[in-house]
Amino acid sequence: MKSGKVNLHKGTVMIRHIVLVKFQPGIKQDEINSLFDALANLGTLIPGMRGFDGGISVSPEKLEQGFRHGFCIDFDDATARDAYLEHPEHQKLGGQLVGMLDGGLSGLVVFDLSLNSH
């Protein structure tokens, strides 16, 4: 486990936005792929968004607790992450995502991690 000083000052440290999702039974992989592609394309609209990685869990531990899909987005800083959160296209896609989840918001876990630069 990496340890070190965590800088809590907004806009000074990279942010990894981690999202775990539990889709409703019957949601097709093509629908998931299409949504993930649309989320990835937000990088063309939002400065400071550094790519998108998403897919299905491949963990041999099988501890997903039903959260079989997820994605991560790295941001230059908290300001870029906040711009993503507030962007109208993100809000539209977020609403679409929640509509596909088992239990709505209870089918979603979001965790933002500060990444130290050393």
PDB file of N, CA and C in Angstrom:
ATOM      1  N   MET A   1       0.839  -1.179   0.000  1.00  0.00           N
ATOM      2  CA  MET A   1       0.000   0.000   0.000  1.00  0.00           C
ATOM      3  C   MET A   1       0.880   1.238   0.000  1.00  0.00           C
ATOM      4  N   LYS A   2       0.627   2.120  -0.924  1.00  0.00           N
ATOM      5  CA  LYS A   2       1.391   3.353  -1.030  1.00  0.00           C
ATOM      6  C   LYS A   2       0.938   4.313   0.064  1.00  0.00           C
ATOM      7  N   SER A   3       1.873   4.899   0.736  1.00  0.00           N
ATOM      8  CA  SER A   3       1.509   5.875   1.753  1.00  0.00           C
ATOM      9  C   SER A   3       2.328   7.132   1.545  1.00  0.00           C
ATOM     10  N   GLY A   4       1.902   8.179   2.167  1.00  0.00           N
ATOM     11  CA  GLY A   4       2.591   9.450   2.057  1.00  0.00           C
ATOM     12  C   GLY A   4       1.655  10.551   2.462  1.00  0.00           C
ATOM     13  N   LYS A   5       2.156  11.764   2.377  1.00  0.00           N
ATOM     14  CA  LYS A   5       1.317  12.899   2.724  1.00  0.00           C
ATOM     15  C   LYS A   5       0.226  13.063   1.677  1.00  0.00           C
ATOM     16  N   VAL A   6      -0.962  13.325   2.151  1.00  0.00           N
ATOM     17  CA  VAL A   6      -2.080  13.582   1.256  1.00  0.00           C
ATOM     18  C   VAL A   6      -2.348  15.071   1.261  1.00  0.00           C
ATOM     19  N   ASN A   7      -2.332  15.657   0.099  1.00  0.00           N
ATOM     20  CA  ASN A   7      -2.587  17.081  -0.041  1.00  0.00           C
ATOM     21  C   ASN A   7      -4.078  17.271  -0.274  1.00  0.00           C
ATOM     22  N   LEU A   8      -4.748  17.903   0.649  1.00  0.00           N
ATOM     23  CA  LEU A   8      -6.191  18.089   0.564  1.00  0.00           C
ATOM     24  C   LEU A   8      -6.587  19.417  -0.054  1.00  0.00           C
ATOM     25  N   HIS A   9      -5.637  20.197  -0.552  1.00  0.00           N
ATOM     26  CA  HIS A   9      -5.958  21.480  -1.155  1.00  0.00           C
ATOM     27  C   HIS A   9      -6.493  21.263  -2.562  1.00  0.00           C
ATOM     28  N   LYS A  10      -7.669  21.801  -2.798  1.00  0.00           N
ATOM     29  CA  LYS A  10      -8.351  21.633  -4.076  1.00  0.00           C
ATOM     30  C   LYS A  10      -7.489  22.137  -5.230  1.00  0.00           C
ATOM     31  N   GLY A  11      -7.446  21.335  -6.297  1.00  0.00           N
ATOM     32  CA  GLY A  11      -6.779  21.773  -7.503  1.00  0.00           C
ATOM     33  C   GLY A  11      -5.278  21.570  -7.513  1.00  0.00           C
ATOM     34  N   THR A  12      -4.715  20.842  -6.552  1.00  0.00           N
ATOM     35  CA  THR A  12      -3.266  20.716  -6.502  1.00  0.00           C
ATOM     36  C   THR A  12      -2.768  19.295  -6.699  1.00  0.00           C
ATOM     37  N   VAL A  13      -3.650  18.343  -6.763  1.00  0.00           N
ATOM     38  CA  VAL A  13      -3.225  16.949  -6.842  1.00  0.00           C
ATOM     39  C   VAL A  13      -4.144  16.213  -7.813  1.00  0.00           C
ATOM     40  N   MET A  14      -3.602  15.255  -8.554  1.00  0.00           N
ATOM     41  CA  MET A  14      -4.435  14.464  -9.462  1.00  0.00           C
ATOM     42  C   MET A  14      -5.507  13.722  -8.677  1.00  0.00           C
ATOM     43  N   ILE A  15      -6.642  13.525  -9.332  1.00  0.00           N
ATOM     44  CA  ILE A  15      -7.771  12.816  -8.733  1.00  0.00           C
ATOM     45  C   ILE A  15      -8.112  11.617  -9.602  1.00  0.00           C
ATOM     46  N   ARG A  16      -8.251  10.453  -8.989  1.00  0.00           N
ATOM     47  CA  ARG A  16      -8.760   9.259  -9.676  1.00  0.00           C
ATOM     48  C   ARG A  16     -10.206   9.059  -9.226  1.00  0.00           C
ATOM     49  N   HIS A  17     -11.113   9.155 -10.170  1.00  0.00           N
ATOM     50  CA  HIS A  17     -12.553   9.014  -9.944  1.00  0.00           C
ATOM     51  C   HIS A  17     -12.910   7.555 -10.248  1.00  0.00           C
ATOM     52  N   ILE A  18     -13.301   6.817  -9.218  1.00  0.00           N
ATOM     53  CA  ILE A  18     -13.565   5.384  -9.333  1.00  0.00           C
ATOM     54  C   ILE A  18     -15.060   5.158  -9.138  1.00  0.00           C
ATOM     55  N   VAL A  19     -15.682   4.464 -10.077  1.00  0.00           N
ATOM     56  CA  VAL A  19     -17.121   4.220 -10.021  1.00  0.00           C
ATOM     57  C   VAL A  19     -17.368   2.727 -10.200  1.00  0.00           C
ATOM     58  N   LEU A  20     -18.072   2.132  -9.235  1.00  0.00           N
ATOM     59  CA  LEU A  20     -18.476   0.733  -9.319  1.00  0.00           C
ATOM     60  C   LEU A  20     -19.980   0.688  -9.502  1.00  0.00           C
ATOM     61  N   VAL A  21     -20.442  -0.182 -10.398  1.00  0.00           N
ATOM     62  CA  VAL A  21     -21.868  -0.216 -10.721  1.00  0.00           C
ATOM     63  C   VAL A  21     -22.414  -1.641 -10.717  1.00  0.00           C
ATOM     64  N   LYS A  22     -23.670  -1.724 -10.323  1.00  0.00           N
ATOM     65  CA  LYS A  22     -24.416  -2.981 -10.308  1.00  0.00           C
ATOM     66  C   LYS A  22     -25.598  -2.788 -11.252  1.00  0.00           C
ATOM     67  N   PHE A  23     -25.467  -3.312 -12.464  1.00  0.00           N
ATOM     68  CA  PHE A  23     -26.515  -3.148 -13.464  1.00  0.00           C
ATOM     69  C   PHE A  23     -27.701  -4.064 -13.175  1.00  0.00           C
ATOM     70  N   GLN A  24     -28.882  -3.608 -13.617  1.00  0.00           N
ATOM     71  CA  GLN A  24     -30.091  -4.423 -13.510  1.00  0.00           C
ATOM     72  C   GLN A  24     -29.921  -5.694 -14.333  1.00  0.00           C
ATOM     73  N   PRO A  25     -30.535  -6.786 -13.874  1.00  0.00           N
ATOM     74  CA  PRO A  25     -30.550  -7.981 -14.728  1.00  0.00           C
ATOM     75  C   PRO A  25     -31.211  -7.622 -16.063  1.00  0.00           C
ATOM     76  N   GLY A  26     -30.692  -8.150 -17.128  1.00  0.00           N
ATOM     77  CA  GLY A  26     -31.275  -7.894 -18.444  1.00  0.00           C
ATOM     78  C   GLY A  26     -30.637  -6.752 -19.206  1.00  0.00           C
ATOM     79  N   ILE A  27     -29.795  -5.938 -18.552  1.00  0.00           N
ATOM     80  CA  ILE A  27     -29.083  -4.885 -19.282  1.00  0.00           C
ATOM     81  C   ILE A  27     -28.022  -5.575 -20.139  1.00  0.00           C
ATOM     82  N   LYS A  28     -28.046  -5.293 -21.415  1.00  0.00           N
ATOM     83  CA  LYS A  28     -27.146  -5.962 -22.361  1.00  0.00           C
ATOM     84  C   LYS A  28     -25.765  -5.307 -22.345  1.00  0.00           C
ATOM     85  N   GLN A  29     -24.748  -6.133 -22.600  1.00  0.00           N
ATOM     86  CA  GLN A  29     -23.372  -5.641 -22.626  1.00  0.00           C
ATOM     87  C   GLN A  29     -23.196  -4.547 -23.665  1.00  0.00           C
ATOM     88  N   ASP A  30     -23.915  -4.631 -24.788  1.00  0.00           N
ATOM     89  CA  ASP A  30     -23.829  -3.579 -25.808  1.00  0.00           C
ATOM     90  C   ASP A  30     -24.290  -2.233 -25.258  1.00  0.00           C
ATOM     91  N   GLU A  31     -25.327  -2.233 -24.416  1.00  0.00           N
ATOM     92  CA  GLU A  31     -25.821  -1.002 -23.805  1.00  0.00           C
ATOM     93  C   GLU A  31     -24.766  -0.429 -22.853  1.00  0.00           C
ATOM     94  N   ILE A  32     -24.131  -1.308 -22.093  1.00  0.00           N
ATOM     95  CA  ILE A  32     -23.083  -0.897 -21.161  1.00  0.00           C
ATOM     96  C   ILE A  32     -21.907  -0.311 -21.933  1.00  0.00           C
ATOM     97  N   ASN A  33     -21.489  -1.005 -22.981  1.00  0.00           N
ATOM     98  CA  ASN A  33     -20.370  -0.529 -23.798  1.00  0.00           C
ATOM     99  C   ASN A  33     -20.672   0.840 -24.399  1.00  0.00           C
ATOM    100  N   SER A  34     -21.890   1.024 -24.869  1.00  0.00           N
ATOM    101  CA  SER A  34     -22.291   2.294 -25.468  1.00  0.00           C
ATOM    102  C   SER A  34     -22.233   3.423 -24.436  1.00  0.00           C
ATOM    103  N   LEU A  35     -22.723   3.161 -23.236  1.00  0.00           N
ATOM    104  CA  LEU A  35     -22.676   4.158 -22.176  1.00  0.00           C
ATOM    105  C   LEU A  35     -21.234   4.475 -21.788  1.00  0.00           C
ATOM    106  N   PHE A  36     -20.407   3.439 -21.625  1.00  0.00           N
ATOM    107  CA  PHE A  36     -19.008   3.650 -21.268  1.00  0.00           C
ATOM    108  C   PHE A  36     -18.288   4.435 -22.367  1.00  0.00           C
ATOM    109  N   ASP A  37     -18.596   4.158 -23.633  1.00  0.00           N
ATOM    110  CA  ASP A  37     -17.993   4.910 -24.744  1.00  0.00           C
ATOM    111  C   ASP A  37     -18.378   6.384 -24.668  1.00  0.00           C
ATOM    112  N   ALA A  38     -19.650   6.656 -24.360  1.00  0.00           N
ATOM    113  CA  ALA A  38     -20.112   8.042 -24.249  1.00  0.00           C
ATOM    114  C   ALA A  38     -19.415   8.751 -23.092  1.00  0.00           C
ATOM    115  N   LEU A  39     -19.253   8.053 -21.962  1.00  0.00           N
ATOM    116  CA  LEU A  39     -18.536   8.641 -20.832  1.00  0.00           C
ATOM    117  C   LEU A  39     -17.078   8.918 -21.199  1.00  0.00           C
ATOM    118  N   ALA A  40     -16.446   7.985 -21.891  1.00  0.00           N
ATOM    119  CA  ALA A  40     -15.052   8.172 -22.317  1.00  0.00           C
ATOM    120  C   ALA A  40     -14.928   9.383 -23.241  1.00  0.00           C
ATOM    121  N   ASN A  41     -15.923   9.591 -24.096  1.00  0.00           N
ATOM    122  CA  ASN A  41     -15.882  10.709 -25.045  1.00  0.00           C
ATOM    123  C   ASN A  41     -16.000  12.063 -24.375  1.00  0.00           C
ATOM    124  N   LEU A  42     -16.393  12.092 -23.101  1.00  0.00           N
ATOM    125  CA  LEU A  42     -16.431  13.363 -22.379  1.00  0.00           C
ATOM    126  C   LEU A  42     -15.040  13.993 -22.301  1.00  0.00           C
ATOM    127  N   GLY A  43     -14.009  13.175 -22.454  1.00  0.00           N
ATOM    128  CA  GLY A  43     -12.644  13.687 -22.443  1.00  0.00           C
ATOM    129  C   GLY A  43     -12.385  14.692 -23.549  1.00  0.00           C
ATOM    130  N   THR A  44     -13.160  14.642 -24.619  1.00  0.00           N
ATOM    131  CA  THR A  44     -13.009  15.616 -25.701  1.00  0.00           C
ATOM    132  C   THR A  44     -13.672  16.947 -25.354  1.00  0.00           C
ATOM    133  N   LEU A  45     -14.523  16.942 -24.326  1.00  0.00           N
ATOM    134  CA  LEU A  45     -15.271  18.137 -23.938  1.00  0.00           C
ATOM    135  C   LEU A  45     -14.738  18.805 -22.676  1.00  0.00           C
ATOM    136  N   ILE A  46     -14.036  18.044 -21.845  1.00  0.00           N
ATOM    137  CA  ILE A  46     -13.665  18.528 -20.516  1.00  0.00           C
ATOM    138  C   ILE A  46     -12.148  18.573 -20.378  1.00  0.00           C
ATOM    139  N   PRO A  47     -11.570  19.773 -20.341  1.00  0.00           N
ATOM    140  CA  PRO A  47     -10.127  19.887 -20.136  1.00  0.00           C
ATOM    141  C   PRO A  47      -9.726  19.289 -18.784  1.00  0.00           C
ATOM    142  N   GLY A  48      -8.607  18.593 -18.778  1.00  0.00           N
ATOM    143  CA  GLY A  48      -8.104  18.006 -17.535  1.00  0.00           C
ATOM    144  C   GLY A  48      -8.582  16.599 -17.270  1.00  0.00           C
ATOM    145  N   MET A  49      -9.470  16.075 -18.131  1.00  0.00           N
ATOM    146  CA  MET A  49      -9.893  14.676 -18.015  1.00  0.00           C
ATOM    147  C   MET A  49      -8.886  13.841 -18.781  1.00  0.00           C
ATOM    148  N   ARG A  50      -8.235  12.895 -18.076  1.00  0.00           N
ATOM    149  CA  ARG A  50      -7.126  12.131 -18.644  1.00  0.00           C
ATOM    150  C   ARG A  50      -7.533  10.698 -18.952  1.00  0.00           C
ATOM    151  N   GLY A  51      -8.406  10.500 -19.855  1.00  0.00           N
ATOM    152  CA  GLY A  51      -8.741   9.157 -20.277  1.00  0.00           C
ATOM    153  C   GLY A  51      -9.764   8.473 -19.399  1.00  0.00           C
ATOM    154  N   PHE A  52     -10.141   7.293 -19.825  1.00  0.00           N
ATOM    155  CA  PHE A  52     -11.221   6.518 -19.220  1.00  0.00           C
ATOM    156  C   PHE A  52     -10.877   5.048 -19.362  1.00  0.00           C
ATOM    157  N   ASP A  53     -11.008   4.299 -18.286  1.00  0.00           N
ATOM    158  CA  ASP A  53     -10.857   2.848 -18.329  1.00  0.00           C
ATOM    159  C   ASP A  53     -12.086   2.255 -17.682  1.00  0.00           C
ATOM    160  N   GLY A  54     -12.735   1.338 -18.362  1.00  0.00           N
ATOM    161  CA  GLY A  54     -13.934   0.731 -17.790  1.00  0.00           C
ATOM    162  C   GLY A  54     -14.157  -0.659 -18.329  1.00  0.00           C
ATOM    163  N   GLY A  55     -14.946  -1.426 -17.593  1.00  0.00           N
ATOM    164  CA  GLY A  55     -15.276  -2.766 -18.039  1.00  0.00           C
ATOM    165  C   GLY A  55     -15.827  -3.608 -16.908  1.00  0.00           C
ATOM    166  N   ILE A  56     -15.730  -4.903 -17.105  1.00  0.00           N
ATOM    167  CA  ILE A  56     -16.248  -5.882 -16.152  1.00  0.00           C
ATOM    168  C   ILE A  56     -15.115  -6.378 -15.254  1.00  0.00           C
ATOM    169  N   SER A  57     -15.444  -6.695 -14.032  1.00  0.00           N
ATOM    170  CA  SER A  57     -14.432  -7.168 -13.087  1.00  0.00           C
ATOM    171  C   SER A  57     -13.833  -8.498 -13.554  1.00  0.00           C
ATOM    172  N   VAL A  58     -12.532  -8.609 -13.399  1.00  0.00           N
ATOM    173  CA  VAL A  58     -11.827  -9.851 -13.690  1.00  0.00           C
ATOM    174  C   VAL A  58     -11.148 -10.384 -12.428  1.00  0.00           C
ATOM    175  N   SER A  59     -11.589  -9.905 -11.280  1.00  0.00           N
ATOM    176  CA  SER A  59     -10.978 -10.305 -10.014  1.00  0.00           C
ATOM    177  C   SER A  59     -11.240 -11.773  -9.710  1.00  0.00           C
ATOM    178  N   PRO A  60     -10.188 -12.539  -9.415  1.00  0.00           N
ATOM    179  CA  PRO A  60     -10.388 -13.939  -9.036  1.00  0.00           C
ATOM    180  C   PRO A  60     -10.950 -14.071  -7.616  1.00  0.00           C
ATOM    181  N   GLU A  61     -10.954 -12.980  -6.851  1.00  0.00           N
ATOM    182  CA  GLU A  61     -11.431 -13.040  -5.471  1.00  0.00           C
ATOM    183  C   GLU A  61     -12.954 -13.131  -5.372  1.00  0.00           C
ATOM    184  N   LYS A  62     -13.643 -12.668  -6.405  1.00  0.00           N
ATOM    185  CA  LYS A  62     -15.116 -12.716  -6.443  1.00  0.00           C
ATOM    186  C   LYS A  62     -15.740 -11.990  -5.254  1.00  0.00           C
ATOM    187  N   LEU A  63     -15.220 -10.824  -4.911  1.00  0.00           N
ATOM    188  CA  LEU A  63     -15.726 -10.037  -3.785  1.00  0.00           C
ATOM    189  C   LEU A  63     -16.474  -8.787  -4.249  1.00  0.00           C
ATOM    190  N   GLU A  64     -16.964  -8.778  -5.470  1.00  0.00           N
ATOM    191  CA  GLU A  64     -17.597  -7.597  -6.046  1.00  0.00           C
ATOM    192  C   GLU A  64     -18.938  -7.243  -5.402  1.00  0.00           C
ATOM    193  N   GLN A  65     -19.565  -8.188  -4.723  1.00  0.00           N
ATOM    194  CA  GLN A  65     -20.870  -7.976  -4.092  1.00  0.00           C
ATOM    195  C   GLN A  65     -21.909  -7.467  -5.089  1.00  0.00           C
ATOM    196  N   GLY A  66     -21.838  -7.982  -6.302  1.00  0.00           N
ATOM    197  CA  GLY A  66     -22.783  -7.597  -7.345  1.00  0.00           C
ATOM    198  C   GLY A  66     -22.334  -6.416  -8.190  1.00  0.00           C
ATOM    199  N   PHE A  67     -21.308  -5.714  -7.764  1.00  0.00           N
ATOM    200  CA  PHE A  67     -20.773  -4.577  -8.525  1.00  0.00           C
ATOM    201  C   PHE A  67     -19.773  -5.125  -9.543  1.00  0.00           C
ATOM    202  N   ARG A  68     -20.307  -5.674 -10.628  1.00  0.00           N
ATOM    203  CA  ARG A  68     -19.492  -6.399 -11.599  1.00  0.00           C
ATOM    204  C   ARG A  68     -18.839  -5.500 -12.646  1.00  0.00           C
ATOM    205  N   HIS A  69     -19.287  -4.265 -12.767  1.00  0.00           N
ATOM    206  CA  HIS A  69     -18.718  -3.329 -13.739  1.00  0.00           C
ATOM    207  C   HIS A  69     -18.196  -2.094 -13.010  1.00  0.00           C
ATOM    208  N   GLY A  70     -17.265  -1.438 -13.652  1.00  0.00           N
ATOM    209  CA  GLY A  70     -16.752  -0.208 -13.074  1.00  0.00           C
ATOM    210  C   GLY A  70     -15.937   0.573 -14.073  1.00  0.00           C
ATOM    211  N   PHE A  71     -15.618   1.796 -13.669  1.00  0.00           N
ATOM    212  CA  PHE A  71     -14.722   2.600 -14.495  1.00  0.00           C
ATOM    213  C   PHE A  71     -13.939   3.572 -13.625  1.00  0.00           C
ATOM    214  N   CYS A  72     -12.812   4.009 -14.181  1.00  0.00           N
ATOM    215  CA  CYS A  72     -11.936   4.987 -13.535  1.00  0.00           C
ATOM    216  C   CYS A  72     -11.625   6.084 -14.536  1.00  0.00           C
ATOM    217  N   ILE A  73     -11.598   7.301 -14.017  1.00  0.00           N
ATOM    218  CA  ILE A  73     -11.180   8.452 -14.810  1.00  0.00           C
ATOM    219  C   ILE A  73     -10.171   9.231 -13.973  1.00  0.00           C
ATOM    220  N   ASP A  74      -9.039   9.543 -14.557  1.00  0.00           N
ATOM    221  CA  ASP A  74      -8.059  10.394 -13.886  1.00  0.00           C
ATOM    222  C   ASP A  74      -8.255  11.831 -14.346  1.00  0.00           C
ATOM    223  N   PHE A  75      -8.143  12.744 -13.388  1.00  0.00           N
ATOM    224  CA  PHE A  75      -8.274  14.173 -13.653  1.00  0.00           C
ATOM    225  C   PHE A  75      -7.003  14.878 -13.210  1.00  0.00           C
ATOM    226  N   ASP A  76      -6.650  15.943 -13.919  1.00  0.00           N
ATOM    227  CA  ASP A  76      -5.466  16.728 -13.560  1.00  0.00           C
ATOM    228  C   ASP A  76      -5.529  17.196 -12.118  1.00  0.00           C
ATOM    229  N   ASP A  77      -6.728  17.543 -11.671  1.00  0.00           N
ATOM    230  CA  ASP A  77      -6.898  18.076 -10.323  1.00  0.00           C
ATOM    231  C   ASP A  77      -8.385  18.084  -9.969  1.00  0.00           C
ATOM    232  N   ALA A  78      -8.691  18.522  -8.768  1.00  0.00           N
ATOM    233  CA  ALA A  78     -10.079  18.556  -8.311  1.00  0.00           C
ATOM    234  C   ALA A  78     -10.918  19.526  -9.132  1.00  0.00           C
ATOM    235  N   THR A  79     -10.314  20.588  -9.634  1.00  0.00           N
ATOM    236  CA  THR A  79     -11.050  21.542 -10.456  1.00  0.00           C
ATOM    237  C   THR A  79     -11.550  20.876 -11.739  1.00  0.00           C
ATOM    238  N   ALA A  80     -10.705  20.074 -12.369  1.00  0.00           N
ATOM    239  CA  ALA A  80     -11.110  19.348 -13.582  1.00  0.00           C
ATOM    240  C   ALA A  80     -12.187  18.322 -13.251  1.00  0.00           C
ATOM    241  N   ARG A  81     -12.039  17.619 -12.132  1.00  0.00           N
ATOM    242  CA  ARG A  81     -13.056  16.657 -11.708  1.00  0.00           C
ATOM    243  C   ARG A  81     -14.391  17.353 -11.479  1.00  0.00           C
ATOM    244  N   ASP A  82     -14.354  18.511 -10.830  1.00  0.00           N
ATOM    245  CA  ASP A  82     -15.585  19.250 -10.560  1.00  0.00           C
ATOM    246  C   ASP A  82     -16.244  19.730 -11.852  1.00  0.00           C
ATOM    247  N   ALA A  83     -15.435  20.123 -12.831  1.00  0.00           N
ATOM    248  CA  ALA A  83     -15.979  20.534 -14.130  1.00  0.00           C
ATOM    249  C   ALA A  83     -16.686  19.358 -14.794  1.00  0.00           C
ATOM    250  N   TYR A  84     -16.120  18.173 -14.677  1.00  0.00           N
ATOM    251  CA  TYR A  84     -16.747  16.943 -15.191  1.00  0.00           C
ATOM    252  C   TYR A  84     -18.084  16.702 -14.491  1.00  0.00           C
ATOM    253  N   LEU A  85     -18.100  16.794 -13.172  1.00  0.00           N
ATOM    254  CA  LEU A  85     -19.324  16.525 -12.411  1.00  0.00           C
ATOM    255  C   LEU A  85     -20.448  17.489 -12.785  1.00  0.00           C
ATOM    256  N   GLU A  86     -20.091  18.733 -13.067  1.00  0.00           N
ATOM    257  CA  GLU A  86     -21.084  19.766 -13.359  1.00  0.00           C
ATOM    258  C   GLU A  86     -21.463  19.842 -14.838  1.00  0.00           C
ATOM    259  N   HIS A  87     -20.694  19.182 -15.693  1.00  0.00           N
ATOM    260  CA  HIS A  87     -20.927  19.290 -17.136  1.00  0.00           C
ATOM    261  C   HIS A  87     -22.299  18.708 -17.493  1.00  0.00           C
ATOM    262  N   PRO A  88     -23.094  19.412 -18.301  1.00  0.00           N
ATOM    263  CA  PRO A  88     -24.436  18.924 -18.650  1.00  0.00           C
ATOM    264  C   PRO A  88     -24.441  17.542 -19.304  1.00  0.00           C
ATOM    265  N   GLU A  89     -23.454  17.244 -20.126  1.00  0.00           N
ATOM    266  CA  GLU A  89     -23.414  15.926 -20.778  1.00  0.00           C
ATOM    267  C   GLU A  89     -23.136  14.828 -19.751  1.00  0.00           C
ATOM    268  N   HIS A  90     -22.274  15.108 -18.770  1.00  0.00           N
ATOM    269  CA  HIS A  90     -22.040  14.135 -17.700  1.00  0.00           C
ATOM    270  C   HIS A  90     -23.320  13.909 -16.913  1.00  0.00           C
ATOM    271  N   GLN A  91     -24.027  14.974 -16.607  1.00  0.00           N
ATOM    272  CA  GLN A  91     -25.261  14.831 -15.834  1.00  0.00           C
ATOM    273  C   GLN A  91     -26.302  14.022 -16.606  1.00  0.00           C
ATOM    274  N   LYS A  92     -26.383  14.232 -17.911  1.00  0.00           N
ATOM    275  CA  LYS A  92     -27.296  13.448 -18.758  1.00  0.00           C
ATOM    276  C   LYS A  92     -26.908  11.964 -18.733  1.00  0.00           C
ATOM    277  N   LEU A  93     -25.617  11.687 -18.939  1.00  0.00           N
ATOM    278  CA  LEU A  93     -25.155  10.299 -18.952  1.00  0.00           C
ATOM    279  C   LEU A  93     -25.271   9.667 -17.567  1.00  0.00           C
ATOM    280  N   GLY A  94     -25.035  10.459 -16.518  1.00  0.00           N
ATOM    281  CA  GLY A  94     -25.194   9.953 -15.160  1.00  0.00           C
ATOM    282  C   GLY A  94     -26.624   9.536 -14.890  1.00  0.00           C
ATOM    283  N   GLY A  95     -27.574  10.322 -15.365  1.00  0.00           N
ATOM    284  CA  GLY A  95     -28.982   9.960 -15.221  1.00  0.00           C
ATOM    285  C   GLY A  95     -29.311   8.683 -15.971  1.00  0.00           C
ATOM    286  N   GLN A  96     -28.733   8.544 -17.157  1.00  0.00           N
ATOM    287  CA  GLN A  96     -28.923   7.320 -17.941  1.00  0.00           C
ATOM    288  C   GLN A  96     -28.343   6.126 -17.191  1.00  0.00           C
ATOM    289  N   LEU A  97     -27.144   6.293 -16.630  1.00  0.00           N
ATOM    290  CA  LEU A  97     -26.492   5.229 -15.876  1.00  0.00           C
ATOM    291  C   LEU A  97     -27.358   4.801 -14.688  1.00  0.00           C
ATOM    292  N   VAL A  98     -27.803   5.750 -13.897  1.00  0.00           N
ATOM    293  CA  VAL A  98     -28.606   5.432 -12.710  1.00  0.00           C
ATOM    294  C   VAL A  98     -29.875   4.679 -13.115  1.00  0.00           C
ATOM    295  N   GLY A  99     -30.458   5.039 -14.245  1.00  0.00           N
ATOM    296  CA  GLY A  99     -31.647   4.347 -14.736  1.00  0.00           C
ATOM    297  C   GLY A  99     -31.399   2.896 -15.117  1.00  0.00           C
ATOM    298  N   MET A 100     -30.146   2.532 -15.366  1.00  0.00           N
ATOM    299  CA  MET A 100     -29.789   1.161 -15.744  1.00  0.00           C
ATOM    300  C   MET A 100     -29.374   0.312 -14.541  1.00  0.00           C
ATOM    301  N   LEU A 101     -29.275   0.933 -13.364  1.00  0.00           N
ATOM    302  CA  LEU A 101     -28.707   0.245 -12.211  1.00  0.00           C
ATOM    303  C   LEU A 101     -29.756  -0.500 -11.401  1.00  0.00           C
ATOM    304  N   ASP A 102     -29.321  -1.566 -10.785  1.00  0.00           N
ATOM    305  CA  ASP A 102     -30.150  -2.345  -9.881  1.00  0.00           C
ATOM    306  C   ASP A 102     -30.323  -1.548  -8.593  1.00  0.00           C
ATOM    307  N   GLY A 103     -31.528  -1.024  -8.365  1.00  0.00           N
ATOM    308  CA  GLY A 103     -31.778  -0.235  -7.168  1.00  0.00           C
ATOM    309  C   GLY A 103     -31.462   1.238  -7.310  1.00  0.00           C
ATOM    310  N   GLY A 104     -31.287   1.731  -8.539  1.00  0.00           N
ATOM    311  CA  GLY A 104     -30.975   3.146  -8.735  1.00  0.00           C
ATOM    312  C   GLY A 104     -29.653   3.508  -8.082  1.00  0.00           C
ATOM    313  N   LEU A 105     -29.641   4.559  -7.282  1.00  0.00           N
ATOM    314  CA  LEU A 105     -28.391   5.019  -6.658  1.00  0.00           C
ATOM    315  C   LEU A 105     -27.762   3.979  -5.740  1.00  0.00           C
ATOM    316  N   SER A 106     -28.548   3.051  -5.200  1.00  0.00           N
ATOM    317  CA  SER A 106     -27.943   2.022  -4.342  1.00  0.00           C
ATOM    318  C   SER A 106     -27.124   1.018  -5.160  1.00  0.00           C
ATOM    319  N   GLY A 107     -27.218   1.079  -6.477  1.00  0.00           N
ATOM    320  CA  GLY A 107     -26.398   0.248  -7.348  1.00  0.00           C
ATOM    321  C   GLY A 107     -25.144   0.963  -7.823  1.00  0.00           C
ATOM    322  N   LEU A 108     -24.728   1.979  -7.061  1.00  0.00           N
ATOM    323  CA  LEU A 108     -23.609   2.824  -7.464  1.00  0.00           C
ATOM    324  C   LEU A 108     -22.709   3.119  -6.269  1.00  0.00           C
ATOM    325  N   VAL A 109     -21.405   2.991  -6.476  1.00  0.00           N
ATOM    326  CA  VAL A 109     -20.410   3.409  -5.486  1.00  0.00           C
ATOM    327  C   VAL A 109     -19.433   4.327  -6.209  1.00  0.00           C
ATOM    328  N   VAL A 110     -19.200   5.508  -5.636  1.00  0.00           N
ATOM    329  CA  VAL A 110     -18.239   6.457  -6.208  1.00  0.00           C
ATOM    330  C   VAL A 110     -17.193   6.757  -5.148  1.00  0.00           C
ATOM    331  N   PHE A 111     -15.929   6.694  -5.568  1.00  0.00           N
ATOM    332  CA  PHE A 111     -14.813   6.916  -4.652  1.00  0.00           C
ATOM    333  C   PHE A 111     -13.783   7.739  -5.406  1.00  0.00           C
ATOM    334  N   ASP A 112     -13.419   8.897  -4.864  1.00  0.00           N
ATOM    335  CA  ASP A 112     -12.381   9.734  -5.468  1.00  0.00           C
ATOM    336  C   ASP A 112     -11.120   9.643  -4.627  1.00  0.00           C
ATOM    337  N   LEU A 113     -10.018   9.362  -5.282  1.00  0.00           N
ATOM    338  CA  LEU A 113      -8.742   9.144  -4.618  1.00  0.00           C
ATOM    339  C   LEU A 113      -7.751  10.215  -5.054  1.00  0.00           C
ATOM    340  N   SER A 114      -7.127  10.862  -4.094  1.00  0.00           N
ATOM    341  CA  SER A 114      -6.043  11.802  -4.399  1.00  0.00           C
ATOM    342  C   SER A 114      -4.786  11.009  -4.732  1.00  0.00           C
ATOM    343  N   LEU A 115      -4.155  11.351  -5.843  1.00  0.00           N
ATOM    344  CA  LEU A 115      -2.937  10.674  -6.259  1.00  0.00           C
ATOM    345  C   LEU A 115      -1.745  11.580  -5.966  1.00  0.00           C
ATOM    346  N   ASN A 116      -0.871  11.109  -5.108  1.00  0.00           N
ATOM    347  CA  ASN A 116       0.339  11.875  -4.799  1.00  0.00           C
ATOM    348  C   ASN A 116       1.240  11.876  -6.016  1.00  0.00           C
ATOM    349  N   SER A 117       1.958  12.947  -6.186  1.00  0.00           N
ATOM    350  CA  SER A 117       2.802  13.088  -7.381  1.00  0.00           C
ATOM    351  C   SER A 117       4.166  12.429  -7.233  1.00  0.00           C
ATOM    352  N   HIS A 118       4.428  11.740  -6.123  1.00  0.00           N
ATOM    353  CA  HIS A 118       5.735  11.100  -5.965  1.00  0.00           C
ATOM    354  C   HIS A 118       5.626   9.605  -5.920  1.00  0.00           C
TER     355      HIS A 118
END
